[in-house]
Amino acid sequence: MQKLKIDQDIRSMSEVRNALASYIKQVHDTRRPVVITQHGKGVAVLLGANEFEAMQEKIDLLSDVQSALSQLAKGEGLSHQKAKAGLLKRVPK
């Protein structure tokens, strides 16, 4: 996902409502989200489906890494040798 450009990517609810198709095209073309405001406050984000899926995958990966780090901190991890041996047993020869 590209970084937000404040002057182009923050729009009021009424602007988006009146030109939704053009904002969907903008999100698709620029790969940047559009922040939708109501009464001057951000209330929603218009994001491309592919960008949303990529974000979900990154969140899942980071969650797995955090879980692994927590397990290691508790001494629940495997040594490199044990992990390697376990993987080699599963790989067909």
PDB file of N, CA and C in Angstrom:
ATOM      1  N   MET A   1       0.843  -1.166   0.000  1.00  0.00           N
ATOM      2  CA  MET A   1       0.000   0.000   0.000  1.00  0.00           C
ATOM      3  C   MET A   1       0.894   1.236   0.000  1.00  0.00           C
ATOM      4  N   GLN A   2       0.513   2.194  -0.786  1.00  0.00           N
ATOM      5  CA  GLN A   2       1.250   3.449  -0.864  1.00  0.00           C
ATOM      6  C   GLN A   2       0.870   4.348   0.308  1.00  0.00           C
ATOM      7  N   LYS A   3       1.747   5.305   0.624  1.00  0.00           N
ATOM      8  CA  LYS A   3       1.470   6.231   1.724  1.00  0.00           C
ATOM      9  C   LYS A   3       0.374   7.218   1.327  1.00  0.00           C
ATOM     10  N   LEU A   4      -0.367   7.608   2.312  1.00  0.00           N
ATOM     11  CA  LEU A   4      -1.455   8.558   2.166  1.00  0.00           C
ATOM     12  C   LEU A   4      -0.920   9.930   1.764  1.00  0.00           C
ATOM     13  N   LYS A   5      -1.617  10.596   0.849  1.00  0.00           N
ATOM     14  CA  LYS A   5      -1.311  11.989   0.509  1.00  0.00           C
ATOM     15  C   LYS A   5      -2.465  12.821   1.047  1.00  0.00           C
ATOM     16  N   ILE A   6      -2.179  13.585   2.077  1.00  0.00           N
ATOM     17  CA  ILE A   6      -3.210  14.308   2.825  1.00  0.00           C
ATOM     18  C   ILE A   6      -4.116  15.131   1.912  1.00  0.00           C
ATOM     19  N   ASP A   7      -3.541  15.864   0.978  1.00  0.00           N
ATOM     20  CA  ASP A   7      -4.343  16.753   0.136  1.00  0.00           C
ATOM     21  C   ASP A   7      -5.196  16.011  -0.887  1.00  0.00           C
ATOM     22  N   GLN A   8      -4.910  14.738  -1.147  1.00  0.00           N
ATOM     23  CA  GLN A   8      -5.650  13.988  -2.163  1.00  0.00           C
ATOM     24  C   GLN A   8      -6.485  12.849  -1.594  1.00  0.00           C
ATOM     25  N   ASP A   9      -6.145  12.357  -0.418  1.00  0.00           N
ATOM     26  CA  ASP A   9      -6.719  11.106   0.055  1.00  0.00           C
ATOM     27  C   ASP A   9      -7.617  11.226   1.287  1.00  0.00           C
ATOM     28  N   ILE A  10      -7.927  12.435   1.696  1.00  0.00           N
ATOM     29  CA  ILE A  10      -8.880  12.631   2.786  1.00  0.00           C
ATOM     30  C   ILE A  10     -10.052  13.410   2.211  1.00  0.00           C
ATOM     31  N   ARG A  11     -11.223  12.783   2.274  1.00  0.00           N
ATOM     32  CA  ARG A  11     -12.410  13.370   1.655  1.00  0.00           C
ATOM     33  C   ARG A  11     -13.603  13.253   2.592  1.00  0.00           C
ATOM     34  N   SER A  12     -14.514  14.194   2.457  1.00  0.00           N
ATOM     35  CA  SER A  12     -15.725  14.156   3.274  1.00  0.00           C
ATOM     36  C   SER A  12     -16.676  13.079   2.753  1.00  0.00           C
ATOM     37  N   MET A  13     -17.561  12.664   3.624  1.00  0.00           N
ATOM     38  CA  MET A  13     -18.557  11.654   3.271  1.00  0.00           C
ATOM     39  C   MET A  13     -19.386  12.123   2.066  1.00  0.00           C
ATOM     40  N   SER A  14     -19.770  13.380   2.048  1.00  0.00           N
ATOM     41  CA  SER A  14     -20.598  13.865   0.938  1.00  0.00           C
ATOM     42  C   SER A  14     -19.833  13.845  -0.379  1.00  0.00           C
ATOM     43  N   GLU A  15     -18.545  14.190  -0.356  1.00  0.00           N
ATOM     44  CA  GLU A  15     -17.737  14.118  -1.585  1.00  0.00           C
ATOM     45  C   GLU A  15     -17.682  12.687  -2.113  1.00  0.00           C
ATOM     46  N   VAL A  16     -17.410  11.752  -1.225  1.00  0.00           N
ATOM     47  CA  VAL A  16     -17.300  10.351  -1.632  1.00  0.00           C
ATOM     48  C   VAL A  16     -18.649   9.833  -2.115  1.00  0.00           C
ATOM     49  N   ARG A  17     -19.706  10.165  -1.410  1.00  0.00           N
ATOM     50  CA  ARG A  17     -21.047   9.715  -1.795  1.00  0.00           C
ATOM     51  C   ARG A  17     -21.407  10.205  -3.201  1.00  0.00           C
ATOM     52  N   ASN A  18     -21.045  11.450  -3.514  1.00  0.00           N
ATOM     53  CA  ASN A  18     -21.404  12.024  -4.806  1.00  0.00           C
ATOM     54  C   ASN A  18     -20.540  11.533  -5.958  1.00  0.00           C
ATOM     55  N   ALA A  19     -19.377  10.957  -5.661  1.00  0.00           N
ATOM     56  CA  ALA A  19     -18.472  10.527  -6.738  1.00  0.00           C
ATOM     57  C   ALA A  19     -17.798   9.213  -6.368  1.00  0.00           C
ATOM     58  N   LEU A  20     -18.563   8.271  -5.851  1.00  0.00           N
ATOM     59  CA  LEU A  20     -17.998   7.023  -5.357  1.00  0.00           C
ATOM     60  C   LEU A  20     -17.175   6.299  -6.414  1.00  0.00           C
ATOM     61  N   ALA A  21     -17.683   6.196  -7.619  1.00  0.00           N
ATOM     62  CA  ALA A  21     -16.968   5.470  -8.682  1.00  0.00           C
ATOM     63  C   ALA A  21     -15.591   6.077  -8.936  1.00  0.00           C
ATOM     64  N   SER A  22     -15.482   7.385  -8.908  1.00  0.00           N
ATOM     65  CA  SER A  22     -14.179   8.009  -9.161  1.00  0.00           C
ATOM     66  C   SER A  22     -13.207   7.755  -8.014  1.00  0.00           C
ATOM     67  N   TYR A  23     -13.714   7.692  -6.780  1.00  0.00           N
ATOM     68  CA  TYR A  23     -12.830   7.404  -5.651  1.00  0.00           C
ATOM     69  C   TYR A  23     -12.399   5.944  -5.639  1.00  0.00           C
ATOM     70  N   ILE A  24     -13.290   5.053  -6.062  1.00  0.00           N
ATOM     71  CA  ILE A  24     -12.890   3.650  -6.195  1.00  0.00           C
ATOM     72  C   ILE A  24     -11.809   3.527  -7.256  1.00  0.00           C
ATOM     73  N   LYS A  25     -11.950   4.236  -8.361  1.00  0.00           N
ATOM     74  CA  LYS A  25     -10.920   4.225  -9.410  1.00  0.00           C
ATOM     75  C   LYS A  25      -9.611   4.803  -8.875  1.00  0.00           C
ATOM     76  N   GLN A  26      -9.688   5.878  -8.103  1.00  0.00           N
ATOM     77  CA  GLN A  26      -8.482   6.487  -7.520  1.00  0.00           C
ATOM     78  C   GLN A  26      -7.764   5.483  -6.628  1.00  0.00           C
ATOM     79  N   VAL A  27      -8.510   4.795  -5.770  1.00  0.00           N
ATOM     80  CA  VAL A  27      -7.918   3.796  -4.871  1.00  0.00           C
ATOM     81  C   VAL A  27      -7.252   2.694  -5.682  1.00  0.00           C
ATOM     82  N   HIS A  28      -7.913   2.265  -6.727  1.00  0.00           N
ATOM     83  CA  HIS A  28      -7.359   1.204  -7.581  1.00  0.00           C
ATOM     84  C   HIS A  28      -6.095   1.674  -8.294  1.00  0.00           C
ATOM     85  N   ASP A  29      -6.142   2.858  -8.878  1.00  0.00           N
ATOM     86  CA  ASP A  29      -5.014   3.369  -9.671  1.00  0.00           C
ATOM     87  C   ASP A  29      -3.800   3.741  -8.822  1.00  0.00           C
ATOM     88  N   THR A  30      -4.038   4.353  -7.671  1.00  0.00           N
ATOM     89  CA  THR A  30      -2.928   4.856  -6.853  1.00  0.00           C
ATOM     90  C   THR A  30      -2.457   3.858  -5.801  1.00  0.00           C
ATOM     91  N   ARG A  31      -3.298   2.867  -5.496  1.00  0.00           N
ATOM     92  CA  ARG A  31      -3.034   1.896  -4.431  1.00  0.00           C
ATOM     93  C   ARG A  31      -2.901   2.580  -3.073  1.00  0.00           C
ATOM     94  N   ARG A  32      -3.512   3.773  -2.956  1.00  0.00           N
ATOM     95  CA  ARG A  32      -3.560   4.496  -1.685  1.00  0.00           C
ATOM     96  C   ARG A  32      -4.990   4.464  -1.169  1.00  0.00           C
ATOM     97  N   PRO A  33      -5.173   4.397   0.130  1.00  0.00           N
ATOM     98  CA  PRO A  33      -6.531   4.437   0.681  1.00  0.00           C
ATOM     99  C   PRO A  33      -7.093   5.855   0.641  1.00  0.00           C
ATOM    100  N   VAL A  34      -8.401   5.964   0.743  1.00  0.00           N
ATOM    101  CA  VAL A  34      -9.065   7.253   0.902  1.00  0.00           C
ATOM    102  C   VAL A  34      -9.709   7.246   2.281  1.00  0.00           C
ATOM    103  N   VAL A  35      -9.362   8.236   3.089  1.00  0.00           N
ATOM    104  CA  VAL A  35      -9.956   8.382   4.411  1.00  0.00           C
ATOM    105  C   VAL A  35     -11.219   9.220   4.248  1.00  0.00           C
ATOM    106  N   ILE A  36     -12.315   8.700   4.772  1.00  0.00           N
ATOM    107  CA  ILE A  36     -13.605   9.380   4.652  1.00  0.00           C
ATOM    108  C   ILE A  36     -13.913  10.034   5.996  1.00  0.00           C
ATOM    109  N   THR A  37     -14.234  11.325   5.940  1.00  0.00           N
ATOM    110  CA  THR A  37     -14.520  12.074   7.164  1.00  0.00           C
ATOM    111  C   THR A  37     -16.003  12.413   7.258  1.00  0.00           C
ATOM    112  N   GLN A  38     -16.422  12.604   8.485  1.00  0.00           N
ATOM    113  CA  GLN A  38     -17.778  13.077   8.756  1.00  0.00           C
ATOM    114  C   GLN A  38     -17.660  14.066   9.894  1.00  0.00           C
ATOM    115  N   HIS A  39     -18.135  15.275   9.665  1.00  0.00           N
ATOM    116  CA  HIS A  39     -18.018  16.353  10.650  1.00  0.00           C
ATOM    117  C   HIS A  39     -16.555  16.571  11.043  1.00  0.00           C
ATOM    118  N   GLY A  40     -15.654  16.449  10.072  1.00  0.00           N
ATOM    119  CA  GLY A  40     -14.244  16.725  10.289  1.00  0.00           C
ATOM    120  C   GLY A  40     -13.435  15.626  10.942  1.00  0.00           C
ATOM    121  N   LYS A  41     -14.060  14.481  11.210  1.00  0.00           N
ATOM    122  CA  LYS A  41     -13.351  13.377  11.853  1.00  0.00           C
ATOM    123  C   LYS A  41     -13.348  12.164  10.938  1.00  0.00           C
ATOM    124  N   GLY A  42     -12.229  11.435  10.917  1.00  0.00           N
ATOM    125  CA  GLY A  42     -12.134  10.222  10.121  1.00  0.00           C
ATOM    126  C   GLY A  42     -13.089   9.164  10.642  1.00  0.00           C
ATOM    127  N   VAL A  43     -13.928   8.607   9.750  1.00  0.00           N
ATOM    128  CA  VAL A  43     -14.901   7.595  10.172  1.00  0.00           C
ATOM    129  C   VAL A  43     -14.763   6.288   9.400  1.00  0.00           C
ATOM    130  N   ALA A  44     -14.100   6.317   8.250  1.00  0.00           N
ATOM    131  CA  ALA A  44     -13.972   5.095   7.452  1.00  0.00           C
ATOM    132  C   ALA A  44     -12.788   5.247   6.501  1.00  0.00           C
ATOM    133  N   VAL A  45     -12.376   4.092   5.951  1.00  0.00           N
ATOM    134  CA  VAL A  45     -11.284   4.084   4.982  1.00  0.00           C
ATOM    135  C   VAL A  45     -11.732   3.246   3.797  1.00  0.00           C
ATOM    136  N   LEU A  46     -11.591   3.805   2.607  1.00  0.00           N
ATOM    137  CA  LEU A  46     -11.866   3.079   1.369  1.00  0.00           C
ATOM    138  C   LEU A  46     -10.537   2.515   0.897  1.00  0.00           C
ATOM    139  N   LEU A  47     -10.503   1.187   0.769  1.00  0.00           N
ATOM    140  CA  LEU A  47      -9.250   0.497   0.483  1.00  0.00           C
ATOM    141  C   LEU A  47      -9.505  -0.552  -0.583  1.00  0.00           C
ATOM    142  N   GLY A  48      -8.562  -0.730  -1.497  1.00  0.00           N
ATOM    143  CA  GLY A  48      -8.695  -1.749  -2.523  1.00  0.00           C
ATOM    144  C   GLY A  48      -8.696  -3.139  -1.917  1.00  0.00           C
ATOM    145  N   ALA A  49      -9.439  -4.057  -2.539  1.00  0.00           N
ATOM    146  CA  ALA A  49      -9.552  -5.423  -2.017  1.00  0.00           C
ATOM    147  C   ALA A  49      -8.195  -6.110  -1.939  1.00  0.00           C
ATOM    148  N   ASN A  50      -7.357  -5.939  -2.954  1.00  0.00           N
ATOM    149  CA  ASN A  50      -6.025  -6.565  -2.935  1.00  0.00           C
ATOM    150  C   ASN A  50      -5.170  -6.013  -1.804  1.00  0.00           C
ATOM    151  N   GLU A  51      -5.260  -4.717  -1.576  1.00  0.00           N
ATOM    152  CA  GLU A  51      -4.494  -4.097  -0.493  1.00  0.00           C
ATOM    153  C   GLU A  51      -4.992  -4.597   0.862  1.00  0.00           C
ATOM    154  N   PHE A  52      -6.312  -4.770   0.980  1.00  0.00           N
ATOM    155  CA  PHE A  52      -6.882  -5.278   2.219  1.00  0.00           C
ATOM    156  C   PHE A  52      -6.394  -6.699   2.489  1.00  0.00           C
ATOM    157  N   GLU A  53      -6.412  -7.549   1.464  1.00  0.00           N
ATOM    158  CA  GLU A  53      -5.931  -8.926   1.611  1.00  0.00           C
ATOM    159  C   GLU A  53      -4.455  -8.953   2.013  1.00  0.00           C
ATOM    160  N   ALA A  54      -3.650  -8.102   1.393  1.00  0.00           N
ATOM    161  CA  ALA A  54      -2.223  -8.041   1.723  1.00  0.00           C
ATOM    162  C   ALA A  54      -2.033  -7.615   3.182  1.00  0.00           C
ATOM    163  N   MET A  55      -2.836  -6.651   3.638  1.00  0.00           N
ATOM    164  CA  MET A  55      -2.751  -6.218   5.035  1.00  0.00           C
ATOM    165  C   MET A  55      -3.113  -7.354   5.978  1.00  0.00           C
ATOM    166  N   GLN A  56      -4.159  -8.110   5.643  1.00  0.00           N
ATOM    167  CA  GLN A  56      -4.580  -9.232   6.480  1.00  0.00           C
ATOM    168  C   GLN A  56      -3.468 -10.275   6.574  1.00  0.00           C
ATOM    169  N   GLU A  57      -2.819 -10.562   5.451  1.00  0.00           N
ATOM    170  CA  GLU A  57      -1.720 -11.534   5.448  1.00  0.00           C
ATOM    171  C   GLU A  57      -0.566 -11.062   6.318  1.00  0.00           C
ATOM    172  N   LYS A  58      -0.249  -9.774   6.237  1.00  0.00           N
ATOM    173  CA  LYS A  58       0.827  -9.229   7.061  1.00  0.00           C
ATOM    174  C   LYS A  58       0.472  -9.296   8.539  1.00  0.00           C
ATOM    175  N   ILE A  59      -0.776  -9.000   8.861  1.00  0.00           N
ATOM    176  CA  ILE A  59      -1.213  -9.067  10.262  1.00  0.00           C
ATOM    177  C   ILE A  59      -1.108 -10.498  10.772  1.00  0.00           C
ATOM    178  N   ASP A  60      -1.540 -11.460   9.949  1.00  0.00           N
ATOM    179  CA  ASP A  60      -1.448 -12.871  10.344  1.00  0.00           C
ATOM    180  C   ASP A  60       0.005 -13.283  10.585  1.00  0.00           C
ATOM    181  N   LEU A  61       0.893 -12.875   9.687  1.00  0.00           N
ATOM    182  CA  LEU A  61       2.307 -13.210   9.824  1.00  0.00           C
ATOM    183  C   LEU A  61       2.899 -12.588  11.084  1.00  0.00           C
ATOM    184  N   LEU A  62       2.611 -11.321  11.313  1.00  0.00           N
ATOM    185  CA  LEU A  62       3.128 -10.646  12.507  1.00  0.00           C
ATOM    186  C   LEU A  62       2.573 -11.267  13.784  1.00  0.00           C
ATOM    187  N   SER A  63       1.328 -11.707  13.738  1.00  0.00           N
ATOM    188  CA  SER A  63       0.736 -12.388  14.891  1.00  0.00           C
ATOM    189  C   SER A  63       1.462 -13.703  15.169  1.00  0.00           C
ATOM    190  N   ASP A  64       1.771 -14.446  14.101  1.00  0.00           N
ATOM    191  CA  ASP A  64       2.518 -15.698  14.264  1.00  0.00           C
ATOM    192  C   ASP A  64       3.910 -15.441  14.841  1.00  0.00           C
ATOM    193  N   VAL A  65       4.573 -14.401  14.354  1.00  0.00           N
ATOM    194  CA  VAL A  65       5.915 -14.056  14.851  1.00  0.00           C
ATOM    195  C   VAL A  65       5.834 -13.680  16.327  1.00  0.00           C
ATOM    196  N   GLN A  66       4.838 -12.867  16.687  1.00  0.00           N
ATOM    197  CA  GLN A  66       4.678 -12.471  18.090  1.00  0.00           C
ATOM    198  C   GLN A  66       4.423 -13.678  18.971  1.00  0.00           C
ATOM    199  N   SER A  67       3.608 -14.599  18.503  1.00  0.00           N
ATOM    200  CA  SER A  67       3.325 -15.823  19.243  1.00  0.00           C
ATOM    201  C   SER A  67       4.600 -16.646  19.437  1.00  0.00           C
ATOM    202  N   ALA A  68       5.388 -16.771  18.375  1.00  0.00           N
ATOM    203  CA  ALA A  68       6.642 -17.522  18.453  1.00  0.00           C
ATOM    204  C   ALA A  68       7.616 -16.864  19.436  1.00  0.00           C
ATOM    205  N   LEU A  69       7.721 -15.537  19.388  1.00  0.00           N
ATOM    206  CA  LEU A  69       8.610 -14.824  20.313  1.00  0.00           C
ATOM    207  C   LEU A  69       8.162 -15.022  21.756  1.00  0.00           C
ATOM    208  N   SER A  70       6.868 -15.009  21.967  1.00  0.00           N
ATOM    209  CA  SER A  70       6.330 -15.232  23.317  1.00  0.00           C
ATOM    210  C   SER A  70       6.657 -16.640  23.800  1.00  0.00           C
ATOM    211  N   GLN A  71       6.509 -17.631  22.916  1.00  0.00           N
ATOM    212  CA  GLN A  71       6.837 -19.005  23.273  1.00  0.00           C
ATOM    213  C   GLN A  71       8.324 -19.152  23.593  1.00  0.00           C
ATOM    214  N   LEU A  72       9.168 -18.517  22.793  1.00  0.00           N
ATOM    215  CA  LEU A  72      10.611 -18.576  23.050  1.00  0.00           C
ATOM    216  C   LEU A  72      10.963 -17.935  24.391  1.00  0.00           C
ATOM    217  N   ALA A  73      10.308 -16.833  24.700  1.00  0.00           N
ATOM    218  CA  ALA A  73      10.573 -16.151  25.971  1.00  0.00           C
ATOM    219  C   ALA A  73      10.196 -17.029  27.165  1.00  0.00           C
ATOM    220  N   LYS A  74       9.225 -17.912  26.968  1.00  0.00           N
ATOM    221  CA  LYS A  74       8.793 -18.823  28.033  1.00  0.00           C
ATOM    222  C   LYS A  74       9.598 -20.120  28.038  1.00  0.00           C
ATOM    223  N   GLY A  75      10.559 -20.221  27.120  1.00  0.00           N
ATOM    224  CA  GLY A  75      11.361 -21.430  27.031  1.00  0.00           C
ATOM    225  C   GLY A  75      10.653 -22.589  26.352  1.00  0.00           C
ATOM    226  N   GLU A  76       9.631 -22.285  25.585  1.00  0.00           N
ATOM    227  CA  GLU A  76       8.839 -23.322  24.935  1.00  0.00           C
ATOM    228  C   GLU A  76       9.297 -23.617  23.501  1.00  0.00           C
ATOM    229  N   GLY A  77      10.324 -22.956  23.041  1.00  0.00           N
ATOM    230  CA  GLY A  77      10.777 -23.146  21.668  1.00  0.00           C
ATOM    231  C   GLY A  77      11.660 -24.367  21.510  1.00  0.00           C
ATOM    232  N   LEU A  78      12.002 -24.648  20.259  1.00  0.00           N
ATOM    233  CA  LEU A  78      12.906 -25.751  19.928  1.00  0.00           C
ATOM    234  C   LEU A  78      14.261 -25.191  19.540  1.00  0.00           C
ATOM    235  N   SER A  79      15.298 -25.951  19.810  1.00  0.00           N
ATOM    236  CA  SER A  79      16.621 -25.550  19.343  1.00  0.00           C
ATOM    237  C   SER A  79      16.658 -25.695  17.822  1.00  0.00           C
ATOM    238  N   HIS A  80      17.610 -25.047  17.225  1.00  0.00           N
ATOM    239  CA  HIS A  80      17.774 -25.138  15.773  1.00  0.00           C
ATOM    240  C   HIS A  80      17.940 -26.594  15.339  1.00  0.00           C
ATOM    241  N   GLN A  81      18.763 -27.329  16.055  1.00  0.00           N
ATOM    242  CA  GLN A  81      19.026 -28.737  15.708  1.00  0.00           C
ATOM    243  C   GLN A  81      17.753 -29.578  15.760  1.00  0.00           C
ATOM    244  N   LYS A  82      16.938 -29.409  16.818  1.00  0.00           N
ATOM    245  CA  LYS A  82      15.700 -30.186  16.947  1.00  0.00           C
ATOM    246  C   LYS A  82      14.702 -29.810  15.857  1.00  0.00           C
ATOM    247  N   ALA A  83      14.607 -28.539  15.570  1.00  0.00           N
ATOM    248  CA  ALA A  83      13.680 -28.093  14.522  1.00  0.00           C
ATOM    249  C   ALA A  83      14.108 -28.635  13.164  1.00  0.00           C
ATOM    250  N   LYS A  84      15.387 -28.552  12.876  1.00  0.00           N
ATOM    251  CA  LYS A  84      15.914 -29.061  11.606  1.00  0.00           C
ATOM    252  C   LYS A  84      15.685 -30.568  11.485  1.00  0.00           C
ATOM    253  N   ALA A  85      15.952 -31.306  12.551  1.00  0.00           N
ATOM    254  CA  ALA A  85      15.760 -32.756  12.537  1.00  0.00           C
ATOM    255  C   ALA A  85      14.288 -33.100  12.305  1.00  0.00           C
ATOM    256  N   GLY A  86      13.395 -32.365  12.947  1.00  0.00           N
ATOM    257  CA  GLY A  86      11.963 -32.586  12.777  1.00  0.00           C
ATOM    258  C   GLY A  86      11.500 -32.332  11.351  1.00  0.00           C
ATOM    259  N   LEU A  87      12.023 -31.280  10.762  1.00  0.00           N
ATOM    260  CA  LEU A  87      11.667 -30.963   9.365  1.00  0.00           C
ATOM    261  C   LEU A  87      12.220 -31.998   8.399  1.00  0.00           C
ATOM    262  N   LEU A  88      13.446 -32.412   8.622  1.00  0.00           N
ATOM    263  CA  LEU A  88      14.057 -33.407   7.728  1.00  0.00           C
ATOM    264  C   LEU A  88      13.305 -34.735   7.758  1.00  0.00           C
ATOM    265  N   LYS A  89      12.726 -35.079   8.911  1.00  0.00           N
ATOM    266  CA  LYS A  89      11.933 -36.310   9.000  1.00  0.00           C
ATOM    267  C   LYS A  89      10.672 -36.228   8.140  1.00  0.00           C
ATOM    268  N   ARG A  90      10.151 -35.040   7.962  1.00  0.00           N
ATOM    269  CA  ARG A  90       8.907 -34.865   7.222  1.00  0.00           C
ATOM    270  C   ARG A  90       9.123 -34.758   5.705  1.00  0.00           C
ATOM    271  N   VAL A  91      10.346 -34.471   5.293  1.00  0.00           N
ATOM    272  CA  VAL A  91      10.648 -34.302   3.875  1.00  0.00           C
ATOM    273  C   VAL A  91      10.916 -35.661   3.242  1.00  0.00           C
ATOM    274  N   PRO A  92      10.158 -36.017   2.202  1.00  0.00           N
ATOM    275  CA  PRO A  92      10.430 -37.306   1.543  1.00  0.00           C
ATOM    276  C   PRO A  92      11.792 -37.305   0.858  1.00  0.00           C
ATOM    277  N   LYS A  93      12.435 -38.459   0.895  1.00  0.00           N
ATOM    278  CA  LYS A  93      13.784 -38.569   0.296  1.00  0.00           C
ATOM    279  C   LYS A  93      13.703 -39.092  -1.103  1.00  0.00           C
TER     280      LYS A  93
END
